[in-house]
């Protein structure tokens, strides 16, 4: 077959293949919609039993137990309404298939690349992104990976034609991977296996802080040369951007926050924080929120309690810190389990509504989008969903409706199509 016939045949196959395309983004809301009779989980730690929620033009207009319904009424008696869950620190939409390099756009070459913007590479038609919605994950922070300073993230909603439509908060923060004071021996270089002191730890810190100080000096106009990397850092010094610092060890957490605060960066978010429970007073003193790693994990050290990852979010909440859950380092598709991570923390003794805050109201505050998202309140975005039961329990998280900015979403995905295709296979045998 001639090359141009191959291209034509492939095009016709892709166009004609049923059920393989991304669901068409929903049209703008028309008229008023009221949800009645539901248990309303507000995302701020409180609930309203047998409540009514009304929204118009994508904004919640009224919510309460005595609100009169208007417009189209959705009877949700016996069901539950939640704010859309928010997934931070993920490369959703930047990588589709790990093994296919052309579909992997999550990192770039270089060590200090804050000017690399994830948003413009975001693929709104990603099937992985689409698969988030049936579990209530409706927003995410699209985050670059790799390097010491990985780049600049943005926050998007998960029902859009393109990255411009998807954007909720553009260039919200920069991501810094703090060096480790201990690292595993590089056996291929003749080093002993197992954890070894990082001889380069001090030098790696100096390299980061020199870059930060140079960026700050650049903002004063001390250097006339255009430097995109330094330009991208300016929001850290005027408070318009957050610095997300990835650190797990007690020493690294203290070193990173102390040095960065002294360098003039006011808004710092700790990502990971495996040993943050050891320095909670220090974190409270510096008003540092924590995006803690998901609790479905094994202990990092052999002498750690077996259940430390399970209990860590509750320990930090009990210490009075602002805490959210993220699953950086896990495959993108596992982000759809975000609700069940919060449910796992509730199983460790944290109040269920406080556990919900870890993926809704708290995360919205940490990311700086709580003026519109994260909780169910009059005047905020109608980004929410209705579940048959408890959304933090994988047995009862069954969505019947979902809305982003008032637009009613399709909950069909390539996964639900496969489920329908094969669900009756064994029943017929």
Protein backbone atom coordinates (compact mmCIF):
# COMPACT_ATOMS: atom_id res chain seq x y z
CA UNK A 1 0.00 0.00 0.00
CA UNK A 2 1.32 3.43 -0.89
CA UNK A 3 2.21 5.74 2.02
CA UNK A 4 -0.57 8.26 1.38
CA UNK A 5 -3.16 5.45 1.28
CA UNK A 6 -1.88 4.21 4.64
CA UNK A 7 -2.39 7.68 6.13
CA UNK A 8 -5.91 7.92 4.70
CA UNK A 9 -6.83 4.45 5.96
CA UNK A 10 -5.52 5.25 9.44
CA UNK A 11 -7.46 8.52 9.50
CA UNK A 12 -10.70 6.81 8.49
CA UNK A 13 -10.17 4.14 11.15
CA UNK A 14 -9.66 6.70 13.90
CA UNK A 15 -12.62 8.81 12.81
CA UNK A 16 -14.91 5.80 12.47
CA UNK A 17 -13.87 3.93 15.60
CA UNK A 18 -16.87 4.05 17.94
CA UNK A 19 -16.50 4.91 21.60
CA UNK A 20 -12.84 5.91 21.44
CA UNK A 21 -13.15 9.68 21.47
CA UNK A 22 -13.12 11.99 24.45
CA UNK A 23 -16.58 12.98 25.63
CA UNK A 24 -17.67 16.30 24.15
CA UNK A 25 -17.34 19.09 26.75
CA UNK A 26 -20.67 20.10 28.24
CA UNK A 27 -22.44 23.29 27.08
CA UNK A 28 -22.91 26.24 29.48
CA UNK A 29 -25.62 25.89 32.08
CA UNK A 30 -29.08 26.99 30.97
CA UNK A 31 -31.59 28.07 33.57
CA UNK A 32 -31.58 27.32 37.28
CA UNK A 33 -30.95 23.85 38.69
CA UNK A 34 -31.92 22.72 42.18
CA UNK A 35 -30.77 19.55 43.94
CA UNK A 36 -33.19 18.56 46.71
CA UNK A 37 -33.42 16.05 49.53
CA UNK A 38 -29.71 15.25 49.67
CA UNK A 39 -27.13 15.16 52.43
CA UNK A 40 -24.90 18.12 51.54
CA UNK A 41 -21.24 17.66 52.46
CA UNK A 42 -19.95 21.23 52.38
CA UNK A 43 -16.21 20.50 52.32
CA UNK A 44 -15.55 22.73 55.33
CA UNK A 45 -16.16 20.03 57.93
CA UNK A 46 -19.93 20.43 58.15
CA UNK A 47 -23.00 18.81 56.56
CA UNK A 48 -26.62 19.73 55.92
CA UNK A 49 -29.15 16.90 56.14
CA UNK A 50 -32.07 16.86 53.72
CA UNK A 51 -30.79 20.02 52.12
CA UNK A 52 -31.38 21.91 48.89
CA UNK A 53 -28.72 23.46 46.70
CA UNK A 54 -29.56 25.84 43.86
CA UNK A 55 -27.24 27.18 41.18
CA UNK A 56 -27.56 29.51 38.20
CA UNK A 57 -25.01 30.45 35.52
CA UNK A 58 -22.45 28.15 37.10
CA UNK A 59 -22.64 29.73 40.57
CA UNK A 60 -24.31 28.45 43.73
CA UNK A 61 -27.09 30.87 44.63
CA UNK A 62 -28.58 29.23 47.70
CA UNK A 63 -27.86 26.28 49.99
CA UNK A 64 -29.55 25.08 53.15
CA UNK A 65 -32.27 22.98 54.74
CA UNK A 66 -35.01 25.54 54.12
CA UNK A 67 -34.18 26.70 50.57
CA UNK A 68 -37.07 26.71 48.11
CA UNK A 69 -36.18 24.86 44.90
CA UNK A 70 -36.41 26.62 41.56
CA UNK A 71 -35.99 25.77 37.90
CA UNK A 72 -35.09 22.18 37.01
CA UNK A 73 -35.27 20.01 40.12
CA UNK A 74 -33.06 16.94 40.66
CA UNK A 75 -34.49 14.76 43.43
CA UNK A 76 -31.47 13.43 45.31
CA UNK A 77 -33.34 11.98 48.29
CA UNK A 78 -31.11 9.53 50.14
CA UNK A 79 -28.09 10.60 48.10
CA UNK A 80 -25.05 12.76 48.87
CA UNK A 81 -23.71 15.96 47.30
CA UNK A 82 -20.01 16.84 47.45
CA UNK A 83 -17.78 19.63 46.13
CA UNK A 84 -15.61 18.47 43.24
CA UNK A 85 -12.44 16.81 44.49
CA UNK A 86 -9.11 18.47 43.65
CA UNK A 87 -5.97 16.54 42.66
CA UNK A 88 -2.75 18.52 43.28
CA UNK A 89 0.81 17.73 42.15
CA UNK A 90 -0.07 15.57 39.12
CA UNK A 91 1.09 15.44 35.52
CA UNK A 92 -2.43 14.68 34.30
CA UNK A 93 -2.81 15.71 30.67
CA UNK A 94 0.96 15.83 30.20
CA UNK A 95 1.49 12.11 29.73
CA UNK A 96 -0.83 9.56 28.21
CA UNK A 97 1.20 6.35 27.84
CA UNK A 98 4.47 6.02 29.76
CA UNK A 99 6.08 3.80 27.15
CA UNK A 100 5.22 6.08 24.21
CA UNK A 101 7.65 9.01 24.24
CA UNK A 102 5.60 11.30 21.92
CA UNK A 103 2.76 11.17 24.48
CA UNK A 104 5.06 12.05 27.41
CA UNK A 105 5.45 15.79 27.96
CA UNK A 106 5.83 15.89 31.73
CA UNK A 107 9.45 17.07 31.95
CA UNK A 108 12.14 18.99 30.06
CA UNK A 109 15.92 18.96 29.93
CA UNK A 110 17.64 21.05 32.59
CA UNK A 111 17.96 21.42 36.33
CA UNK A 112 16.68 24.95 36.99
CA UNK A 113 13.75 25.47 34.62
CA UNK A 114 11.02 27.45 36.42
CA UNK A 115 10.04 29.04 33.09
CA UNK A 116 8.76 25.71 31.70
CA UNK A 117 4.97 26.08 31.85
CA UNK A 118 2.90 22.91 32.11
CA UNK A 119 -0.36 24.53 31.01
CA UNK A 120 0.50 25.02 27.34
CA UNK A 121 1.31 21.30 27.04
CA UNK A 122 -1.91 20.17 28.75
CA UNK A 123 -4.00 17.78 26.66
CA UNK A 124 -7.65 18.41 27.49
CA UNK A 125 -8.64 15.32 25.45
CA UNK A 126 -6.61 12.90 27.57
CA UNK A 127 -8.42 9.65 28.28
CA UNK A 128 -6.66 9.52 31.65
CA UNK A 129 -8.08 12.92 32.58
CA UNK A 130 -11.52 11.80 31.44
CA UNK A 131 -11.36 8.79 33.77
CA UNK A 132 -11.10 11.05 36.83
CA UNK A 133 -14.64 12.38 36.62
CA UNK A 134 -16.71 9.27 37.48
CA UNK A 135 -15.02 9.24 40.91
CA UNK A 136 -15.65 12.93 41.57
CA UNK A 137 -12.16 14.27 40.78
CA UNK A 138 -13.08 17.37 38.79
CA UNK A 139 -10.07 19.68 39.13
CA UNK A 140 -6.31 19.23 39.22
CA UNK A 141 -2.99 20.99 39.43
CA UNK A 142 -1.06 20.14 36.25
CA UNK A 143 2.51 19.87 37.46
CA UNK A 144 5.79 19.39 35.55
CA UNK A 145 8.28 16.81 36.76
CA UNK A 146 12.05 16.31 36.70
CA UNK A 147 15.03 18.50 37.51
CA UNK A 148 15.66 20.47 40.69
CA UNK A 149 13.21 23.25 39.82
CA UNK A 150 10.77 21.44 37.54
CA UNK A 151 8.78 24.36 36.21
CA UNK A 152 5.50 26.17 36.72
CA UNK A 153 2.16 24.47 37.35
CA UNK A 154 -1.40 25.59 36.60
CA UNK A 155 -4.80 24.51 37.90
CA UNK A 156 -7.40 23.20 35.47
CA UNK A 157 -10.91 21.79 35.42
CA UNK A 158 -11.46 18.44 33.75
CA UNK A 159 -14.04 19.22 31.07
CA UNK A 160 -12.64 21.41 28.32
CA UNK A 161 -11.93 21.71 24.61
CA UNK A 162 -8.34 22.89 25.11
CA UNK A 163 -5.96 24.25 27.72
CA UNK A 164 -7.34 27.77 27.41
CA UNK A 165 -10.83 26.55 28.31
CA UNK A 166 -9.49 24.31 31.05
CA UNK A 167 -7.50 26.95 32.95
CA UNK A 168 -8.77 27.84 36.42
CA UNK A 169 -5.59 29.44 37.76
CA UNK A 170 -2.69 30.09 35.40
CA UNK A 171 0.92 29.70 36.61
CA UNK A 172 -0.04 29.22 40.24
CA UNK A 173 3.33 28.03 41.52
CA UNK A 174 6.86 26.72 41.00
CA UNK A 175 8.06 23.28 42.06
CA UNK A 176 11.37 22.73 43.82
CA UNK A 177 12.82 19.32 44.70
CA UNK A 178 15.03 19.86 47.74
CA UNK A 179 18.13 17.61 47.87
CA UNK A 180 18.33 14.72 50.31
CA UNK A 181 20.85 14.58 53.12
CA UNK A 182 20.95 10.80 52.69
CA UNK A 183 20.65 8.89 49.44
CA UNK A 184 20.91 5.31 48.33
CA UNK A 185 24.37 4.19 47.32
CA UNK A 186 25.04 4.23 43.59
CA UNK A 187 26.40 0.71 43.30
CA UNK A 188 27.24 1.24 39.62
CA UNK A 189 29.78 3.84 40.77
CA UNK A 190 31.26 1.55 43.39
CA UNK A 191 29.33 3.05 46.33
CA UNK A 192 27.92 0.74 49.04
CA UNK A 193 24.29 -0.21 48.67
CA UNK A 194 21.72 1.19 51.10
CA UNK A 195 21.36 4.69 52.51
CA UNK A 196 24.54 6.75 52.62
CA UNK A 197 25.20 10.37 53.65
CA UNK A 198 24.93 12.66 50.64
CA UNK A 199 28.37 14.25 50.45
CA UNK A 200 27.04 16.83 48.00
CA UNK A 201 24.10 17.95 50.16
CA UNK A 202 25.65 21.28 51.20
CA UNK A 203 26.78 22.09 47.67
CA UNK A 204 23.36 21.25 46.24
CA UNK A 205 21.72 23.61 48.74
CA UNK A 206 24.14 26.39 47.78
CA UNK A 207 23.31 25.88 44.11
CA UNK A 208 19.59 26.28 44.78
CA UNK A 209 19.97 29.32 47.02
CA UNK A 210 22.37 31.01 44.60
CA UNK A 211 19.74 30.62 41.90
CA UNK A 212 17.02 32.00 44.20
CA UNK A 213 19.14 35.00 45.21
CA UNK A 214 20.10 35.70 41.62
CA UNK A 215 16.43 35.59 40.65
CA UNK A 216 15.57 38.08 43.38
CA UNK A 217 18.39 40.40 42.31
CA UNK A 218 17.20 40.14 38.71
CA UNK A 219 13.81 41.45 39.81
CA UNK A 220 15.40 44.64 41.12
CA UNK A 221 16.70 45.45 37.64
CA UNK A 222 20.31 44.80 38.60
CA UNK A 223 20.80 42.79 35.41
CA UNK A 224 19.66 44.15 32.06
CA UNK A 225 19.94 40.82 30.21
CA UNK A 226 16.67 38.98 29.60
CA UNK A 227 16.60 35.73 31.57
CA UNK A 228 13.35 33.72 31.24
CA UNK A 229 14.21 31.50 34.22
CA UNK A 230 14.76 34.46 36.54
CA UNK A 231 11.64 36.18 35.17
CA UNK A 232 9.50 33.15 36.01
CA UNK A 233 10.69 33.31 39.64
CA UNK A 234 9.49 36.86 40.29
CA UNK A 235 6.03 35.80 41.47
CA UNK A 236 7.64 34.06 44.44
CA UNK A 237 8.94 37.36 45.79
CA UNK A 238 5.79 39.44 45.28
CA UNK A 239 3.52 36.69 46.66
CA UNK A 240 1.60 36.00 43.45
CA UNK A 241 3.01 32.46 43.21
CA UNK A 242 3.56 29.66 45.66
CA UNK A 243 6.72 27.61 45.99
CA UNK A 244 5.99 23.90 46.33
CA UNK A 245 8.96 22.30 48.06
CA UNK A 246 9.35 18.54 47.88
CA UNK A 247 11.04 17.30 51.06
CA UNK A 248 10.50 14.31 53.34
CA UNK A 249 13.22 14.19 55.99
CA UNK A 250 13.17 16.20 59.21
CA UNK A 251 16.48 17.88 58.40
CA UNK A 252 15.51 18.65 54.81
CA UNK A 253 12.19 20.18 55.85
CA UNK A 254 13.84 22.53 58.36
CA UNK A 255 16.73 23.44 56.05
CA UNK A 256 14.47 24.14 53.07
CA UNK A 257 11.86 26.26 54.81
CA UNK A 258 14.39 28.24 56.86
CA UNK A 259 16.56 29.06 53.85
CA UNK A 260 13.68 29.89 51.51
CA UNK A 261 11.91 32.10 54.01
CA UNK A 262 15.17 33.96 54.64
CA UNK A 263 15.52 34.38 50.87
CA UNK A 264 12.26 36.33 50.79
CA UNK A 265 9.75 33.69 49.62
CA UNK A 266 6.58 34.13 51.64
CA UNK A 267 4.27 31.40 50.32
CA UNK A 268 5.83 27.96 50.75
CA UNK A 269 3.94 24.65 50.57
CA UNK A 270 5.56 21.42 51.76
CA UNK A 271 4.99 18.45 49.44
CA UNK A 272 5.48 14.94 50.78
CA UNK A 273 6.53 15.67 54.36
CA UNK A 274 7.06 12.07 55.42
CA UNK A 275 8.71 13.19 58.69
CA UNK A 276 6.65 16.37 59.05
CA UNK A 277 5.06 14.94 62.21
CA UNK A 278 8.42 15.45 63.93
CA UNK A 279 8.48 19.21 63.22
CA UNK A 280 4.85 20.27 63.50
CA UNK A 281 5.64 23.19 65.82
CA UNK A 282 8.19 24.48 63.33
CA UNK A 283 5.70 24.18 60.46
CA UNK A 284 2.99 25.97 62.46
CA UNK A 285 5.41 28.76 63.37
CA UNK A 286 6.10 29.40 59.69
CA UNK A 287 2.47 28.81 58.55
CA UNK A 288 3.45 25.98 56.20
CA UNK A 289 0.63 23.85 54.74
CA UNK A 290 1.40 20.26 53.79
CA UNK A 291 0.35 18.28 50.72
CA UNK A 292 1.04 14.91 52.27
CA UNK A 293 1.65 11.77 50.22
CA UNK A 294 -1.22 9.33 49.76
CA UNK A 295 -1.57 6.86 52.64
CA UNK A 296 -1.65 3.67 50.56
CA UNK A 297 2.07 3.09 51.07
CA UNK A 298 4.64 1.12 53.01
CA UNK A 299 6.94 2.69 55.64
CA UNK A 300 10.00 4.33 54.10
CA UNK A 301 12.40 3.18 56.82
CA UNK A 302 12.68 -0.28 58.33
CA UNK A 303 12.34 1.04 61.89
CA UNK A 304 9.23 3.14 61.16
CA UNK A 305 5.87 1.98 62.52
CA UNK A 306 4.14 -0.21 59.96
CA UNK A 307 1.13 2.12 59.85
CA UNK A 308 2.95 5.47 59.73
CA UNK A 309 1.87 6.31 56.14
CA UNK A 310 -1.73 5.44 57.07
CA UNK A 311 -1.78 7.69 60.14
CA UNK A 312 0.39 10.56 58.93
CA UNK A 313 -2.37 12.84 57.53
CA UNK A 314 -4.37 12.55 60.77
CA UNK A 315 -1.26 13.24 62.87
CA UNK A 316 -0.66 16.47 60.95
CA UNK A 317 -4.30 17.54 61.14
CA UNK A 318 -4.39 16.85 64.88
CA UNK A 319 -1.28 19.04 65.23
CA UNK A 320 -3.21 21.97 63.76
CA UNK A 321 -1.67 22.08 60.28
CA UNK A 322 -3.50 22.79 57.01
CA UNK A 323 -3.27 19.46 55.18
CA UNK A 324 -4.21 18.13 51.77
CA UNK A 325 -3.60 14.77 50.09
CA UNK A 326 -1.64 14.25 46.87
CA UNK A 327 -0.20 11.17 45.18
CA UNK A 328 2.93 12.50 43.49
CA UNK A 329 5.10 9.65 42.29
CA UNK A 330 2.14 7.35 41.61
CA UNK A 331 0.84 6.68 38.11
CA UNK A 332 -1.62 9.29 36.83
CA UNK A 333 -4.50 6.85 36.51
CA UNK A 334 -4.32 6.13 40.26
CA UNK A 335 -5.38 9.72 40.94
CA UNK A 336 -8.97 8.61 40.46
CA UNK A 337 -8.58 6.87 43.86
CA UNK A 338 -8.15 10.24 45.60
CA UNK A 339 -11.47 9.92 47.43
CA UNK A 340 -10.48 6.52 48.78
CA UNK A 341 -7.21 7.88 50.15
CA UNK A 342 -9.28 10.30 52.22
CA UNK A 343 -11.56 7.44 53.23
CA UNK A 344 -8.51 5.49 54.34
CA UNK A 345 -7.48 8.38 56.61
CA UNK A 346 -10.99 8.45 58.05
CA UNK A 347 -10.50 4.75 58.81
CA UNK A 348 -7.51 5.76 60.94
CA UNK A 349 -9.76 7.81 63.21
CA UNK A 350 -10.01 11.21 61.52
CA UNK A 351 -13.54 12.61 61.45
CA UNK A 352 -15.06 11.78 58.07
CA UNK A 353 -15.91 15.37 57.18
CA UNK A 354 -12.39 16.47 58.10
CA UNK A 355 -11.06 13.69 55.88
CA UNK A 356 -13.20 15.11 53.07
CA UNK A 357 -11.53 18.48 53.58
CA UNK A 358 -8.17 16.89 52.69
CA UNK A 359 -9.31 16.62 49.05
CA UNK A 360 -11.68 19.59 48.85
CA UNK A 361 -11.69 22.69 51.07
CA UNK A 362 -8.16 22.31 52.45
CA UNK A 363 -6.62 21.63 49.04
CA UNK A 364 -8.42 24.63 47.56
CA UNK A 365 -6.95 26.85 50.30
CA UNK A 366 -3.46 25.46 49.78
CA UNK A 367 -3.65 26.06 46.02
CA UNK A 368 -5.22 29.50 46.40
CA UNK A 369 -8.51 28.77 44.62
CA UNK A 370 -10.78 28.67 47.67
CA UNK A 371 -12.55 31.86 46.57
CA UNK A 372 -14.40 29.76 43.95
CA UNK A 373 -13.77 26.07 44.58
CA UNK A 374 -13.40 23.45 47.29
CA UNK A 375 -16.57 24.03 49.32
CA UNK A 376 -20.31 24.31 48.75
CA UNK A 377 -21.24 27.91 49.53
CA UNK A 378 -23.43 30.56 47.99
CA UNK A 379 -21.37 32.63 45.58
CA UNK A 380 -18.92 29.82 44.77
CA UNK A 381 -18.66 27.71 41.64
CA UNK A 382 -21.20 24.97 41.12
CA UNK A 383 -18.46 22.37 40.72
CA UNK A 384 -19.97 19.41 42.51
CA UNK A 385 -21.40 15.93 42.14
CA UNK A 386 -24.15 13.66 43.41
CA UNK A 387 -23.23 10.20 44.71
CA UNK A 388 -25.53 7.31 45.54
CA UNK A 389 -23.63 6.88 48.81
CA UNK A 390 -20.49 7.81 50.72
CA UNK A 391 -18.04 9.13 48.12
CA UNK A 392 -15.04 8.20 50.30
CA UNK A 393 -15.98 4.53 50.15
CA UNK A 394 -15.20 2.69 46.90
CA UNK A 395 -18.24 0.46 47.46
CA UNK A 396 -20.70 3.36 47.46
CA UNK A 397 -18.98 6.05 45.38
CA UNK A 398 -21.48 5.82 42.51
CA UNK A 399 -22.00 9.15 40.76
CA UNK A 400 -25.34 9.96 39.16
CA UNK A 401 -24.61 13.60 38.22
CA UNK A 402 -21.55 15.86 38.07
CA UNK A 403 -21.20 19.54 37.28
CA UNK A 404 -18.24 21.82 36.59
CA UNK A 405 -19.10 25.52 36.80
CA UNK A 406 -22.73 24.48 36.45
CA UNK A 407 -22.19 22.50 33.24
CA UNK A 408 -23.56 18.97 33.49
CA UNK A 409 -20.91 16.42 32.57
CA UNK A 410 -21.11 13.09 30.85
CA UNK A 411 -19.86 10.38 33.17
CA UNK A 412 -19.16 8.04 30.26
CA UNK A 413 -15.50 7.21 29.63
CA UNK A 414 -13.57 4.59 27.72
CA UNK A 415 -13.52 2.62 30.97
CA UNK A 416 -17.29 2.67 31.47
CA UNK A 417 -17.69 1.58 27.85
CA UNK A 418 -15.40 -1.39 28.46
CA UNK A 419 -17.26 -2.22 31.67
CA UNK A 420 -20.57 -2.28 29.78
CA UNK A 421 -19.02 -4.38 27.05
CA UNK A 422 -17.66 -7.07 29.35
CA UNK A 423 -20.02 -6.92 32.36
CA UNK A 424 -22.36 -9.52 30.87
CA UNK A 425 -19.71 -11.77 29.39
CA UNK A 426 -19.53 -14.31 32.22
CA UNK A 427 -23.26 -14.12 33.00
CA UNK A 428 -23.94 -15.66 29.57
CA UNK A 429 -21.53 -18.54 30.06
